[in-house]
Amino acid sequence: MYIQVVYPPLKFIQVPSQFICRTGIAYIANVAVRKEERRKGIAKMLVAEAEERARSWGCRSVALHCDVSNLAALRLYKSQGYKSIRVPEDAKWPAPKIDQSVRYEFMMKLVPKS
């Protein structure tokens, strides 16, 4: 699943993939809130909505990568129950290859059925 969120207005753009069907893991690709709208709980709401959509698709967990220098985002995800997962250096997945100079933390959360 690729979810990109734009706020305001609250808009989700989704492209479901075969990956979800095989693994039961949804992936949050990007959560972004305009600078002037930050510190209002919007990112927390967006993450919760992404988790709910993943749950409705039958996913058992949600995964994401977070830039380790983005302390606010790390705090957000940890406060929402995401746990850091150690990934071997030579792993093919999960490892974003966008910018090799950026270090990412791989995080996951179980999303049990309601």
Protein backbone atom coordinates (compact mmCIF):
# COMPACT_ATOMS: atom_id res chain seq x y z
CA MET A 1 0.00 0.00 0.00
CA TYR A 2 1.24 3.42 -0.82
CA ILE A 3 -0.44 6.17 1.14
CA GLN A 4 0.38 9.79 0.64
CA VAL A 5 -1.54 12.25 2.74
CA VAL A 6 -2.06 15.94 2.12
CA TYR A 7 -3.55 18.19 4.78
CA PRO A 8 -5.49 20.46 4.43
CA PRO A 9 -7.69 19.17 2.96
CA LEU A 10 -7.45 15.67 4.37
CA LYS A 11 -6.86 13.55 1.30
CA PHE A 12 -5.53 10.01 0.95
CA ILE A 13 -4.01 8.78 -2.28
CA GLN A 14 -3.75 4.98 -2.31
CA VAL A 15 -2.34 2.40 -4.61
CA PRO A 16 -2.95 -1.08 -3.12
CA SER A 17 -0.40 -3.67 -4.15
CA GLN A 18 -0.03 -7.43 -4.38
CA PHE A 19 2.54 -7.14 -1.59
CA ILE A 20 -0.22 -6.63 0.98
CA CYS A 21 -2.07 -9.72 -0.17
CA ARG A 22 1.04 -11.86 0.24
CA THR A 23 2.36 -10.49 3.53
CA GLY A 24 -0.51 -8.89 5.43
CA ILE A 25 1.75 -5.88 6.04
CA ALA A 26 0.72 -2.37 5.01
CA TYR A 27 3.44 0.22 4.48
CA ILE A 28 3.06 3.91 5.25
CA ALA A 29 5.15 5.59 2.59
CA ASN A 30 4.72 9.20 3.65
CA VAL A 31 2.96 11.30 6.26
CA ALA A 32 3.32 15.04 5.82
CA VAL A 33 1.61 18.01 7.44
CA ARG A 34 2.14 21.58 6.26
CA LYS A 35 4.43 23.52 8.57
CA GLU A 36 1.72 26.00 9.61
CA GLU A 37 -0.61 23.12 10.57
CA ARG A 38 1.85 21.18 12.75
CA ARG A 39 1.53 20.58 16.51
CA LYS A 40 -2.25 20.18 16.24
CA GLY A 41 -2.48 16.37 16.39
CA ILE A 42 -3.01 16.06 12.65
CA ALA A 43 -0.14 13.61 12.04
CA LYS A 44 -1.44 11.39 14.84
CA MET A 45 -4.87 11.42 13.20
CA LEU A 46 -3.40 10.60 9.79
CA VAL A 47 -1.40 7.66 11.14
CA ALA A 48 -4.51 6.35 12.93
CA GLU A 49 -6.51 6.61 9.70
CA ALA A 50 -3.79 4.77 7.75
CA GLU A 51 -3.83 2.02 10.39
CA GLU A 52 -7.61 1.75 10.16
CA ARG A 53 -7.45 1.41 6.38
CA ALA A 54 -4.77 -1.27 6.70
CA ARG A 55 -6.97 -3.12 9.20
CA SER A 56 -9.95 -2.90 6.84
CA TRP A 57 -7.80 -4.48 4.10
CA GLY A 58 -7.05 -7.42 6.39
CA CYS A 59 -3.50 -6.41 7.27
CA ARG A 60 -2.05 -7.66 10.53
CA SER A 61 0.61 -4.97 10.86
CA VAL A 62 1.83 -1.64 9.53
CA ALA A 63 5.44 -0.81 8.67
CA LEU A 64 7.27 2.41 7.90
CA HIS A 65 10.70 3.96 7.67
CA CYS A 66 11.59 7.13 9.55
CA ASP A 67 14.63 9.35 9.05
CA VAL A 68 16.57 9.03 12.34
CA SER A 69 17.27 12.78 12.32
CA ASN A 70 13.52 13.53 12.37
CA LEU A 71 13.09 13.36 16.13
CA ALA A 72 9.52 14.68 16.10
CA ALA A 73 8.44 11.90 13.73
CA LEU A 74 10.26 9.24 15.78
CA ARG A 75 8.48 10.49 18.93
CA LEU A 76 5.14 10.43 17.11
CA TYR A 77 5.51 6.85 15.89
CA LYS A 78 6.81 5.57 19.23
CA SER A 79 3.92 7.28 21.04
CA GLN A 80 1.52 5.45 18.69
CA GLY A 81 3.00 2.05 19.53
CA TYR A 82 5.51 1.56 16.71
CA LYS A 83 8.59 -0.48 17.63
CA SER A 84 12.01 -0.28 16.02
CA ILE A 85 12.95 -3.43 14.14
CA ARG A 86 16.58 -4.28 13.49
CA VAL A 87 17.19 -5.05 9.84
CA PRO A 88 20.40 -6.83 8.72
CA GLU A 89 22.75 -4.62 6.69
CA ASP A 90 22.51 -6.86 3.62
CA ALA A 91 18.71 -7.17 3.65
CA LYS A 92 17.01 -6.46 0.32
CA TRP A 93 13.79 -5.38 2.06
CA PRO A 94 12.85 -3.31 3.96
CA ALA A 95 15.38 -0.67 3.02
CA PRO A 96 14.52 2.52 1.14
CA LYS A 97 17.23 3.34 -1.41
CA ILE A 98 16.26 6.95 -2.04
CA ASP A 99 19.29 8.58 -0.42
CA GLN A 100 22.16 6.48 0.92
CA SER A 101 23.37 9.39 3.09
CA VAL A 102 20.16 9.30 5.17
CA ARG A 103 19.83 6.74 7.95
CA TYR A 104 16.39 5.25 8.44
CA GLU A 105 14.75 3.49 11.35
CA PHE A 106 12.46 0.63 10.30
CA MET A 107 9.40 0.46 12.54
CA MET A 108 6.35 -1.79 12.79
CA LYS A 109 3.12 -2.01 14.73
CA LEU A 110 0.57 -4.78 15.04
CA VAL A 111 -2.95 -3.69 14.13
CA PRO A 112 -5.26 -6.31 15.62
CA LYS A 113 -8.80 -6.62 14.35
CA SER A 114 -11.23 -4.30 16.11
